C-alpha atoms as a PDB file:
ATOM      1  CA  UNK A   1     114.439-100.318  45.350  1.00  0.00           C
ATOM      2  CA  UNK A   2     111.135 -98.924  44.089  1.00  0.00           C
ATOM      3  CA  UNK A   3     112.806 -95.598  43.314  1.00  0.00           C
ATOM      4  CA  UNK A   4     115.424 -97.305  41.154  1.00  0.00           C
ATOM      5  CA  UNK A   5     112.781 -99.397  39.433  1.00  0.00           C
ATOM      6  CA  UNK A   6     110.702 -96.289  38.677  1.00  0.00           C
ATOM      7  CA  UNK A   7     113.711 -94.402  37.269  1.00  0.00           C
ATOM      8  CA  UNK A   8     114.673 -97.446  35.196  1.00  0.00           C
ATOM      9  CA  UNK A   9     111.194 -97.823  33.681  1.00  0.00           C
ATOM     10  CA  UNK A  10     110.877 -94.089  32.935  1.00  0.00           C
ATOM     11  CA  UNK A  11     114.369 -94.052  31.406  1.00  0.00           C
ATOM     12  CA  UNK A  12     113.561 -96.989  29.117  1.00  0.00           C
ATOM     13  CA  UNK A  13     110.356 -95.229  28.042  1.00  0.00           C
ATOM     14  CA  UNK A  14     112.348 -92.074  27.253  1.00  0.00           C
ATOM     15  CA  UNK A  15     114.794 -94.121  25.170  1.00  0.00           C
ATOM     16  CA  UNK A  16     111.946 -95.760  23.245  1.00  0.00           C
ATOM     17  CA  UNK A  17     110.040 -92.505  22.741  1.00  0.00           C
ATOM     18  CA  UNK A  18     113.087 -90.495  21.709  1.00  0.00           C
ATOM     19  CA  UNK A  19     114.309 -93.141  19.282  1.00  0.00           C
ATOM     20  CA  UNK A  20     110.855 -93.682  17.765  1.00  0.00           C
ATOM     21  CA  UNK A  21     110.502 -89.938  17.306  1.00  0.00           C
ATOM     22  CA  UNK A  22     113.941 -89.648  15.724  1.00  0.00           C
ATOM     23  CA  UNK A  23     113.342 -92.644  13.448  1.00  0.00           C
ATOM     24  CA  UNK A  24     110.088 -91.245  12.097  1.00  0.00           C
ATOM     25  CA  UNK A  25     111.539 -87.870  11.138  1.00  0.00           C
ATOM     26  CA  UNK A  26     114.828 -89.332   9.884  1.00  0.00           C
ATOM     27  CA  UNK A  27     112.824 -91.371   7.365  1.00  0.00           C
ATOM     28  CA  UNK A  28     110.879 -88.288   6.269  1.00  0.00           C
ATOM     29  CA  UNK A  29     114.103 -86.315   5.893  1.00  0.00           C
ATOM     30  CA  UNK A  30     115.744 -89.103   3.888  1.00  0.00           C
ATOM     31  CA  UNK A  31     112.785 -89.367   1.506  1.00  0.00           C
ATOM     32  CA  UNK A  32     113.332 -85.751   0.521  1.00  0.00           C
ATOM     33  CA  UNK A  33     116.781 -86.623  -0.843  1.00  0.00           C
ATOM     34  CA  UNK A  34     115.497 -89.213  -3.335  1.00  0.00           C
ATOM     35  CA  UNK A  35     116.815 -92.327  -1.603  1.00  0.00           C
ATOM     36  CA  UNK A  36     115.332 -95.765  -2.290  1.00  0.00           C
ATOM     37  CA  UNK A  37     113.148 -97.361   0.373  1.00  0.00           C
ATOM     38  CA  UNK A  38     115.683-100.084   1.101  1.00  0.00           C
ATOM     39  CA  UNK A  39     118.463 -97.486   1.490  1.00  0.00           C
ATOM     40  CA  UNK A  40     116.293 -95.401   3.799  1.00  0.00           C
ATOM     41  CA  UNK A  41     115.714 -98.467   5.939  1.00  0.00           C
ATOM     42  CA  UNK A  42     119.188-100.025   5.785  1.00  0.00           C
ATOM     43  CA  UNK A  43     121.207 -96.837   6.212  1.00  0.00           C
ATOM     44  CA  UNK A  44     119.277 -93.766   7.348  1.00  0.00           C
ATOM     45  CA  UNK A  45     116.678 -95.253   9.700  1.00  0.00           C
ATOM     46  CA  UNK A  46     119.103 -97.932  10.869  1.00  0.00           C
ATOM     47  CA  UNK A  47     121.642 -95.290  11.901  1.00  0.00           C
ATOM     48  CA  UNK A  48     118.984 -93.562  13.991  1.00  0.00           C
ATOM     49  CA  UNK A  49     117.760 -96.903  15.340  1.00  0.00           C
ATOM     50  CA  UNK A  50     121.207 -97.715  16.765  1.00  0.00           C
ATOM     51  CA  UNK A  51     121.263 -94.541  18.851  1.00  0.00           C
ATOM     52  CA  UNK A  52     119.574 -96.113  21.922  1.00  0.00           C
ATOM     53  CA  UNK A  53     122.107 -98.911  22.289  1.00  0.00           C
ATOM     54  CA  UNK A  54     124.946 -96.580  21.202  1.00  0.00           C
ATOM     55  CA  UNK A  55     124.174 -94.029  23.899  1.00  0.00           C
ATOM     56  CA  UNK A  56     123.620 -96.794  26.461  1.00  0.00           C
ATOM     57  CA  UNK A  57     126.920 -98.442  25.507  1.00  0.00           C
ATOM     58  CA  UNK A  58     128.886 -95.175  25.603  1.00  0.00           C
ATOM     59  CA  UNK A  59     127.399 -94.197  28.958  1.00  0.00           C
ATOM     60  CA  UNK A  60     128.168 -97.650  30.373  1.00  0.00           C
ATOM     61  CA  UNK A  61     131.777 -97.344  29.164  1.00  0.00           C
ATOM     62  CA  UNK A  62     132.170 -93.893  30.709  1.00  0.00           C
ATOM     63  CA  UNK A  63     131.044 -95.142  34.126  1.00  0.00           C
ATOM     64  CA  UNK A  64     133.320 -98.193  33.954  1.00  0.00           C
ATOM     65  CA  UNK A  65     130.819-100.848  32.802  1.00  0.00           C
ATOM     66  CA  UNK A  66     131.767-101.571  29.170  1.00  0.00           C
ATOM     67  CA  UNK A  67     130.584-105.192  29.439  1.00  0.00           C
ATOM     68  CA  UNK A  68     127.076-103.922  30.106  1.00  0.00           C
ATOM     69  CA  UNK A  69     127.153-101.972  26.838  1.00  0.00           C
ATOM     70  CA  UNK A  70     128.612-104.842  24.801  1.00  0.00           C
ATOM     71  CA  UNK A  71     126.027-107.242  26.214  1.00  0.00           C
ATOM     72  CA  UNK A  72     123.267-104.782  25.339  1.00  0.00           C
ATOM     73  CA  UNK A  73     124.522-104.494  21.751  1.00  0.00           C
ATOM     74  CA  UNK A  74     124.814-108.232  21.122  1.00  0.00           C
ATOM     75  CA  UNK A  75     121.615-109.052  23.019  1.00  0.00           C
ATOM     76  CA  UNK A  76     119.567-106.510  21.061  1.00  0.00           C
ATOM     77  CA  UNK A  77     120.996-107.907  17.816  1.00  0.00           C
ATOM     78  CA  UNK A  78     119.821-111.424  18.619  1.00  0.00           C
ATOM     79  CA  UNK A  79     116.372-110.067  19.502  1.00  0.00           C
ATOM     80  CA  UNK A  80     116.230-108.020  16.276  1.00  0.00           C
ATOM     81  CA  UNK A  81     116.967-111.006  14.036  1.00  0.00           C
ATOM     82  CA  UNK A  82     114.597-113.379  15.825  1.00  0.00           C
ATOM     83  CA  UNK A  83     111.932-111.920  18.113  1.00  0.00           C
ATOM     84  CA  UNK A  84     111.382-108.687  16.136  1.00  0.00           C
ATOM     85  CA  UNK A  85     110.986-110.535  12.830  1.00  0.00           C
ATOM     86  CA  UNK A  86     108.565-112.952  14.520  1.00  0.00           C
ATOM     87  CA  UNK A  87     106.411-110.102  15.818  1.00  0.00           C
ATOM     88  CA  UNK A  88     106.210-108.226  12.510  1.00  0.00           C
ATOM     89  CA  UNK A  89     105.359-111.405  10.555  1.00  0.00           C
ATOM     90  CA  UNK A  90     102.578-112.318  12.979  1.00  0.00           C
ATOM     91  CA  UNK A  91     101.364-108.709  12.970  1.00  0.00           C
ATOM     92  CA  UNK A  92     101.275-108.637   9.168  1.00  0.00           C
ATOM     93  CA  UNK A  93      99.451-111.957   9.050  1.00  0.00           C
ATOM     94  CA  UNK A  94     101.503-112.964   6.011  1.00  0.00           C
ATOM     95  CA  UNK A  95     105.017-113.809   4.926  1.00  0.00           C
ATOM     96  CA  UNK A  96     107.527-110.982   4.502  1.00  0.00           C
ATOM     97  CA  UNK A  97     108.758-110.676   0.918  1.00  0.00           C
ATOM     98  CA  UNK A  98     112.513-110.583   0.408  1.00  0.00           C
ATOM     99  CA  UNK A  99     113.727-109.118  -2.879  1.00  0.00           C
ATOM    100  CA  UNK A 100     116.610-110.849  -4.614  1.00  0.00           C
ATOM    101  CA  UNK A 101     118.564-107.566  -4.583  1.00  0.00           C
ATOM    102  CA  UNK A 102     118.563-107.562  -0.771  1.00  0.00           C
ATOM    103  CA  UNK A 103     120.017-111.062  -0.692  1.00  0.00           C
ATOM    104  CA  UNK A 104     122.640-110.148  -3.283  1.00  0.00           C
ATOM    105  CA  UNK A 105     123.765-107.035  -1.383  1.00  0.00           C
ATOM    106  CA  UNK A 106     124.066-108.954   1.893  1.00  0.00           C
ATOM    107  CA  UNK A 107     126.055-112.023   0.886  1.00  0.00           C
ATOM    108  CA  UNK A 108     128.854-111.055   3.270  1.00  0.00           C
ATOM    109  CA  UNK A 109     126.463-110.140   6.113  1.00  0.00           C
ATOM    110  CA  UNK A 110     127.078-113.114   8.484  1.00  0.00           C
ATOM    111  CA  UNK A 111     130.841-112.813   7.912  1.00  0.00           C
ATOM    112  CA  UNK A 112     130.779-109.149   8.972  1.00  0.00           C
ATOM    113  CA  UNK A 113     128.936-110.120  12.172  1.00  0.00           C
ATOM    114  CA  UNK A 114     131.668-112.699  12.764  1.00  0.00           C
ATOM    115  CA  UNK A 115     134.375-109.998  12.648  1.00  0.00           C
ATOM    116  CA  UNK A 116     133.867-108.568  16.181  1.00  0.00           C
ATOM    117  CA  UNK A 117     133.870-112.127  17.537  1.00  0.00           C
ATOM    118  CA  UNK A 118     137.222-112.915  15.927  1.00  0.00           C
ATOM    119  CA  UNK A 119     138.776-109.641  17.106  1.00  0.00           C
ATOM    120  CA  UNK A 120     137.350-110.051  20.601  1.00  0.00           C
ATOM    121  CA  UNK A 121     138.386-113.673  21.205  1.00  0.00           C
ATOM    122  CA  UNK A 122     140.933-112.527  23.789  1.00  0.00           C
ATOM    123  CA  UNK A 123     138.319-110.595  25.790  1.00  0.00           C
ATOM    124  CA  UNK A 124     139.708-107.201  24.811  1.00  0.00           C
ATOM    125  CA  UNK A 125     139.019-104.584  22.129  1.00  0.00           C
ATOM    126  CA  UNK A 126     141.912-102.251  21.308  1.00  0.00           C
ATOM    127  CA  UNK A 127     141.732 -98.953  19.426  1.00  0.00           C
ATOM    128  CA  UNK A 128     143.240-100.599  16.335  1.00  0.00           C
ATOM    129  CA  UNK A 129     140.569-103.305  16.414  1.00  0.00           C
ATOM    130  CA  UNK A 130     137.888-100.651  16.954  1.00  0.00           C
ATOM    131  CA  UNK A 131     139.137 -98.728  13.938  1.00  0.00           C
ATOM    132  CA  UNK A 132     139.084-101.902  11.830  1.00  0.00           C
ATOM    133  CA  UNK A 133     135.470-102.561  12.794  1.00  0.00           C
ATOM    134  CA  UNK A 134     134.449 -99.009  11.885  1.00  0.00           C
ATOM    135  CA  UNK A 135     136.229 -99.184   8.512  1.00  0.00           C
ATOM    136  CA  UNK A 136     134.630-102.511   7.537  1.00  0.00           C
ATOM    137  CA  UNK A 137     131.175-101.371   8.656  1.00  0.00           C
ATOM    138  CA  UNK A 138     131.468 -97.999   6.916  1.00  0.00           C
ATOM    139  CA  UNK A 139     132.712 -99.630   3.693  1.00  0.00           C
ATOM    140  CA  UNK A 140     129.691-101.927   3.632  1.00  0.00           C
ATOM    141  CA  UNK A 141     127.331 -98.994   4.185  1.00  0.00           C
ATOM    142  CA  UNK A 142     129.059 -96.928   1.502  1.00  0.00           C
ATOM    143  CA  UNK A 143     128.597 -99.719  -1.021  1.00  0.00           C
ATOM    144  CA  UNK A 144     124.901 -99.942  -0.151  1.00  0.00           C
ATOM    145  CA  UNK A 145     124.511 -96.165  -0.324  1.00  0.00           C
ATOM    146  CA  UNK A 146     126.096 -95.880  -3.787  1.00  0.00           C
ATOM    147  CA  UNK A 147     123.362 -98.039  -5.278  1.00  0.00           C
ATOM    148  CA  UNK A 148     120.587 -96.550  -3.194  1.00  0.00           C
ATOM    149  CA  UNK A 149     119.447 -93.444  -5.084  1.00  0.00           C
ATOM    150  CA  UNK A 150     115.982 -93.728  -6.522  1.00  0.00           C
ATOM    151  CA  UNK A 151     115.038 -91.240  -9.211  1.00  0.00           C
ATOM    152  CA  UNK A 152     111.311 -91.582  -8.693  1.00  0.00           C
ATOM    153  CA  UNK A 153     111.224 -90.598  -5.039  1.00  0.00           C
ATOM    154  CA  UNK A 154     109.174 -87.567  -4.153  1.00  0.00           C
ATOM    155  CA  UNK A 155     111.019 -84.505  -2.894  1.00  0.00           C
ATOM    156  CA  UNK A 156     109.909 -82.472   0.125  1.00  0.00           C
ATOM    157  CA  UNK A 157     110.029 -78.692   0.260  1.00  0.00           C
ATOM    158  CA  UNK A 158     112.660 -76.989   2.393  1.00  0.00           C
ATOM    159  CA  UNK A 159     110.281 -76.069   5.212  1.00  0.00           C
ATOM    160  CA  UNK A 160     109.371 -79.725   5.720  1.00  0.00           C
ATOM    161  CA  UNK A 161     113.040 -80.629   5.662  1.00  0.00           C
ATOM    162  CA  UNK A 162     113.799 -78.092   8.409  1.00  0.00           C
ATOM    163  CA  UNK A 163     110.888 -79.377  10.492  1.00  0.00           C
ATOM    164  CA  UNK A 164     112.036 -82.975  10.090  1.00  0.00           C
ATOM    165  CA  UNK A 165     115.592 -82.003  11.042  1.00  0.00           C
ATOM    166  CA  UNK A 166     114.429 -80.115  14.145  1.00  0.00           C
ATOM    167  CA  UNK A 167     112.219 -83.005  15.297  1.00  0.00           C
ATOM    168  CA  UNK A 168     115.064 -85.441  14.643  1.00  0.00           C
ATOM    169  CA  UNK A 169     117.410 -83.433  16.897  1.00  0.00           C
ATOM    170  CA  UNK A 170     114.706 -83.199  19.578  1.00  0.00           C
ATOM    171  CA  UNK A 171     114.210 -86.957  19.496  1.00  0.00           C
ATOM    172  CA  UNK A 172     117.956 -87.513  19.842  1.00  0.00           C
ATOM    173  CA  UNK A 173     118.094 -85.169  22.854  1.00  0.00           C
ATOM    174  CA  UNK A 174     115.318 -87.117  24.596  1.00  0.00           C
ATOM    175  CA  UNK A 175     117.149 -90.319  23.744  1.00  0.00           C
ATOM    176  CA  UNK A 176     120.429 -89.062  25.214  1.00  0.00           C
ATOM    177  CA  UNK A 177     118.827 -88.189  28.551  1.00  0.00           C
ATOM    178  CA  UNK A 178     116.986 -91.502  28.730  1.00  0.00           C
ATOM    179  CA  UNK A 179     120.087 -93.566  27.900  1.00  0.00           C
ATOM    180  CA  UNK A 180     122.138 -91.982  30.693  1.00  0.00           C
ATOM    181  CA  UNK A 181     119.583 -92.800  33.390  1.00  0.00           C
ATOM    182  CA  UNK A 182     118.920 -96.241  31.901  1.00  0.00           C
ATOM    183  CA  UNK A 183     122.515 -97.311  32.558  1.00  0.00           C
ATOM    184  CA  UNK A 184     122.825 -95.854  36.060  1.00  0.00           C
ATOM    185  CA  UNK A 185     119.424 -97.110  37.247  1.00  0.00           C
ATOM    186  CA  UNK A 186     119.874-100.561  35.663  1.00  0.00           C
ATOM    187  CA  UNK A 187     123.210-101.010  37.427  1.00  0.00           C
ATOM    188  CA  UNK A 188     121.721 -99.978  40.776  1.00  0.00           C
ATOM    189  CA  UNK A 189     118.660-102.177  40.280  1.00  0.00           C
ATOM    190  CA  UNK A 190     120.803-105.204  39.351  1.00  0.00           C
ATOM    191  CA  UNK A 191     122.988-104.724  42.445  1.00  0.00           C
ATOM    192  CA  UNK A 192     119.961-104.569  44.729  1.00  0.00           C
ATOM    193  CA  UNK A 193     118.520-107.792  43.305  1.00  0.00           C
ATOM    194  CA  UNK A 194     122.009-109.346  43.053  1.00  0.00           C
ATOM    195  CA  UNK A 195     121.587-109.990  39.333  1.00  0.00           C
ATOM    196  CA  UNK A 196     124.470-109.839  36.895  1.00  0.00           C
ATOM    197  CA  UNK A 197     124.203-106.373  35.231  1.00  0.00           C
ATOM    198  CA  UNK A 198     125.267-107.937  31.913  1.00  0.00           C
ATOM    199  CA  UNK A 199     122.132-110.092  32.020  1.00  0.00           C
ATOM    200  CA  UNK A 200     120.010-106.973  32.569  1.00  0.00           C
ATOM    201  CA  UNK A 201     121.712-105.336  29.585  1.00  0.00           C
ATOM    202  CA  UNK A 202     121.183-108.316  27.279  1.00  0.00           C
ATOM    203  CA  UNK A 203     117.630-109.268  28.130  1.00  0.00           C
ATOM    204  CA  UNK A 204     115.973-106.109  29.469  1.00  0.00           C
ATOM    205  CA  UNK A 205     117.762-103.024  28.139  1.00  0.00           C
ATOM    206  CA  UNK A 206     118.576-104.898  24.926  1.00  0.00           C
ATOM    207  CA  UNK A 207     114.892-105.573  24.322  1.00  0.00           C
ATOM    208  CA  UNK A 208     114.035-101.958  25.080  1.00  0.00           C
ATOM    209  CA  UNK A 209     116.505-100.690  22.485  1.00  0.00           C
ATOM    210  CA  UNK A 210     114.859-102.819  19.762  1.00  0.00           C
ATOM    211  CA  UNK A 211     111.612-100.882  20.071  1.00  0.00           C
ATOM    212  CA  UNK A 212     112.432 -98.173  17.461  1.00  0.00           C
ATOM    213  CA  UNK A 213     113.101-100.669  14.683  1.00  0.00           C
ATOM    214  CA  UNK A 214     110.138-102.779  15.793  1.00  0.00           C
ATOM    215  CA  UNK A 215     107.706 -99.846  15.623  1.00  0.00           C
ATOM    216  CA  UNK A 216     109.159 -98.678  12.309  1.00  0.00           C
ATOM    217  CA  UNK A 217     108.965-102.209  10.872  1.00  0.00           C
ATOM    218  CA  UNK A 218     105.351-102.669  12.008  1.00  0.00           C
ATOM    219  CA  UNK A 219     104.353 -99.441  10.303  1.00  0.00           C
ATOM    220  CA  UNK A 220     106.258-100.459   7.162  1.00  0.00           C
ATOM    221  CA  UNK A 221     104.727-103.920   6.766  1.00  0.00           C
ATOM    222  CA  UNK A 222     101.269-102.481   7.394  1.00  0.00           C
ATOM    223  CA  UNK A 223     101.852-100.327   4.306  1.00  0.00           C
ATOM    224  CA  UNK A 224     103.345-103.334   2.463  1.00  0.00           C
ATOM    225  CA  UNK A 225     106.781-101.678   2.429  1.00  0.00           C
ATOM    226  CA  UNK A 226     108.609-104.870   3.391  1.00  0.00           C
ATOM    227  CA  UNK A 227     111.916-103.489   2.054  1.00  0.00           C
ATOM    228  CA  UNK A 228     111.871-100.715   4.658  1.00  0.00           C
ATOM    229  CA  UNK A 229     111.257-103.150   7.513  1.00  0.00           C
ATOM    230  CA  UNK A 230     113.929-105.639   6.440  1.00  0.00           C
ATOM    231  CA  UNK A 231     116.456-102.916   5.628  1.00  0.00           C
ATOM    232  CA  UNK A 232     116.028-101.188   8.974  1.00  0.00           C
ATOM    233  CA  UNK A 233     116.533-104.344  11.038  1.00  0.00           C
ATOM    234  CA  UNK A 234     119.495-105.671   9.033  1.00  0.00           C
ATOM    235  CA  UNK A 235     121.132-102.234   8.971  1.00  0.00           C
ATOM    236  CA  UNK A 236     120.717-101.778  12.720  1.00  0.00           C
ATOM    237  CA  UNK A 237     122.273-105.147  13.551  1.00  0.00           C
ATOM    238  CA  UNK A 238     125.242-104.574  11.247  1.00  0.00           C
ATOM    239  CA  UNK A 239     125.934-101.097  12.636  1.00  0.00           C
ATOM    240  CA  UNK A 240     125.728-102.350  16.239  1.00  0.00           C
ATOM    241  CA  UNK A 241     128.207-105.142  15.574  1.00  0.00           C
ATOM    242  CA  UNK A 242     130.800-103.103  13.705  1.00  0.00           C
ATOM    243  CA  UNK A 243     130.549 -99.320  13.936  1.00  0.00           C
ATOM    244  CA  UNK A 244     129.195 -99.030  17.492  1.00  0.00           C
ATOM    245  CA  UNK A 245     131.575-101.599  18.992  1.00  0.00           C
ATOM    246  CA  UNK A 246     134.381 -99.848  17.108  1.00  0.00           C
ATOM    247  CA  UNK A 247     133.406 -96.451  18.534  1.00  0.00           C
ATOM    248  CA  UNK A 248     133.423 -97.878  22.071  1.00  0.00           C
ATOM    249  CA  UNK A 249     136.931 -99.264  21.563  1.00  0.00           C
ATOM    250  CA  UNK A 250     138.172 -95.978  20.103  1.00  0.00           C
ATOM    251  CA  UNK A 251     136.793 -93.979  23.020  1.00  0.00           C
ATOM    252  CA  UNK A 252     138.210 -96.330  25.616  1.00  0.00           C
ATOM    253  CA  UNK A 253     139.752 -99.766  24.863  1.00  0.00           C
ATOM    254  CA  UNK A 254     138.114-102.259  27.200  1.00  0.00           C
ATOM    255  CA  UNK A 255     138.171-105.795  28.579  1.00  0.00           C
ATOM    256  CA  UNK A 256     135.066-107.933  28.987  1.00  0.00           C
ATOM    257  CA  UNK A 257     134.103-111.505  29.988  1.00  0.00           C
ATOM    258  CA  UNK A 258     134.956-113.800  27.081  1.00  0.00           C
ATOM    259  CA  UNK A 259     131.656-115.640  27.457  1.00  0.00           C
ATOM    260  CA  UNK A 260     129.982-112.627  25.821  1.00  0.00           C
ATOM    261  CA  UNK A 261     131.861-113.620  22.664  1.00  0.00           C
ATOM    262  CA  UNK A 262     131.494-117.379  23.050  1.00  0.00           C
ATOM    263  CA  UNK A 263     127.825-117.382  24.024  1.00  0.00           C
ATOM    264  CA  UNK A 264     126.093-114.133  23.026  1.00  0.00           C
ATOM    265  CA  UNK A 265     128.272-113.584  19.966  1.00  0.00           C
ATOM    266  CA  UNK A 266     127.754-117.168  18.839  1.00  0.00           C
ATOM    267  CA  UNK A 267     123.984-116.802  19.110  1.00  0.00           C
ATOM    268  CA  UNK A 268     124.155-113.516  17.187  1.00  0.00           C
ATOM    269  CA  UNK A 269     126.021-115.033  14.232  1.00  0.00           C
ATOM    270  CA  UNK A 270     123.860-118.174  14.232  1.00  0.00           C
ATOM    271  CA  UNK A 271     120.715-116.017  14.245  1.00  0.00           C
ATOM    272  CA  UNK A 272     121.951-114.233  11.109  1.00  0.00           C
ATOM    273  CA  UNK A 273     122.768-117.543   9.368  1.00  0.00           C
ATOM    274  CA  UNK A 274     119.353-119.020  10.163  1.00  0.00           C
ATOM    275  CA  UNK A 275     117.604-115.785   9.161  1.00  0.00           C
ATOM    276  CA  UNK A 276     119.292-115.689   5.753  1.00  0.00           C
ATOM    277  CA  UNK A 277     118.578-119.380   5.155  1.00  0.00           C
ATOM    278  CA  UNK A 278     114.907-118.655   5.825  1.00  0.00           C
ATOM    279  CA  UNK A 279     115.004-115.570   3.596  1.00  0.00           C
ATOM    280  CA  UNK A 280     116.356-117.589   0.675  1.00  0.00           C
ATOM    281  CA  UNK A 281     113.648-120.236   0.976  1.00  0.00           C
ATOM    282  CA  UNK A 282     111.139-118.932  -1.570  1.00  0.00           C
ATOM    283  CA  UNK A 283     112.426-115.394  -0.890  1.00  0.00           C
ATOM    284  CA  UNK A 284     109.928-114.930   1.912  1.00  0.00           C
ATOM    285  CA  UNK A 285     109.903-115.197   5.678  1.00  0.00           C
ATOM    286  CA  UNK A 286     106.856-117.335   6.412  1.00  0.00           C
ATOM    287  CA  UNK A 287     104.821-117.719   9.593  1.00  0.00           C
ATOM    288  CA  UNK A 288     106.253-121.198  10.152  1.00  0.00           C
ATOM    289  CA  UNK A 289     109.779-119.824   9.907  1.00  0.00           C
ATOM    290  CA  UNK A 290     108.909-117.040  12.339  1.00  0.00           C
ATOM    291  CA  UNK A 291     108.047-119.686  14.953  1.00  0.00           C
ATOM    292  CA  UNK A 292     111.509-121.174  14.407  1.00  0.00           C
ATOM    293  CA  UNK A 293     113.068-117.742  15.039  1.00  0.00           C
ATOM    294  CA  UNK A 294     110.998-117.378  18.226  1.00  0.00           C
ATOM    295  CA  UNK A 295     112.162-120.764  19.519  1.00  0.00           C
ATOM    296  CA  UNK A 296     115.769-119.769  18.791  1.00  0.00           C
ATOM    297  CA  UNK A 297     115.342-116.562  20.828  1.00  0.00           C
ATOM    298  CA  UNK A 298     113.808-118.468  23.756  1.00  0.00           C
ATOM    299  CA  UNK A 299     116.775-120.877  23.724  1.00  0.00           C
ATOM    300  CA  UNK A 300     119.096-117.856  23.726  1.00  0.00           C
ATOM    301  CA  UNK A 301     117.338-116.335  26.753  1.00  0.00           C
ATOM    302  CA  UNK A 302     117.500-119.634  28.644  1.00  0.00           C
ATOM    303  CA  UNK A 303     121.194-120.160  27.951  1.00  0.00           C
ATOM    304  CA  UNK A 304     122.082-116.572  28.892  1.00  0.00           C
ATOM    305  CA  UNK A 305     120.125-116.809  32.129  1.00  0.00           C
ATOM    306  CA  UNK A 306     121.879-120.033  33.108  1.00  0.00           C
ATOM    307  CA  UNK A 307     125.302-118.630  32.151  1.00  0.00           C
ATOM    308  CA  UNK A 308     124.901-115.312  33.975  1.00  0.00           C
ATOM    309  CA  UNK A 309     122.737-116.037  36.997  1.00  0.00           C
END
C-alpha cells in the first residue's frame, strides 16, 4: 500500500510541476504574438492548464476507466469555480475586479457547461456527441480569439520564443509521464482502501489538476492582472466540459454512472451560475462572496462522499 501511495504522490507532483512549467512558458510565448491579457488567460494558458486532466482522462479511458476521467474533469471544474477563486481572493486580500467585457463575452457560459449534461443524460457519450461538444467549445474559443489581439503588447525576440517553446514541450512531457502513473496508482490505491475510484478522481486527482491555474492565478493577482487570473480559470473549465469530454468520446465512446451527470454535473453548472451572479454584483468578487463559494465547495464534497462511499 505504501508503494502505491508513494507513486501516487510523486505522480501528482509531476503533473503539477509539468503543468505549472508549461503554463508559465505558454504565457510568455503567447505574449510575443501580441495577444491581450484576457485572451492569453482564457485561451492560451487555459489550453495548457487543461493538459493535466486531459492526459489523466485519456489514460483512464485507455485502461478502461472512463468514469474516473469524467469525474476528474467535472470535479476539478467545481473546485476551479469555487475553491480556487476563494484562495486567490483571500491571497490577494481584496476583491477581484471583473471587467464588463468579460461578462459580455461569457453570457452563454453556463449554457455551454449545461451541454455535456444534456448530451450525457443517458449515461453514454457517442462519437457524434463528442464531435458536437468539440465544435461548440471550439466555436466559443474562436469568437474569443478574434477579439483578443492587443496592439500594444510587447513582442519577444525569436530566441526567447524558441526557448519558451522548448520549455513548454518539456513541461508537457513531464506532465504526460505524471498523468499516466497518476491514473494507474490512484486506481490501485482506491482498490486497496476499497474506495470508489471515481471519488478519488473527483476529490483528490481533481484538486491536483487545478494547481496550474491556481498558481498562475495567484501570480496574476499579485501583479494586479485580474483579467489573466479570471480568464485562465473560466477558459480551463469551459475546455474541460466541452473539448476534453468531446475528445474522450471521439477516441472511445463510453458509458458512465448517470449520477456523475445528476450530481457532479449539477454542482458544476450551479457553481458557474453562482459565480457569474457574484461577478455581476458590483463587477467584483468580494471576500464575503468567496466565503459563499467555499461553503458551496464543502457542500459538494460532502454530497459526493455520501453518494460514492
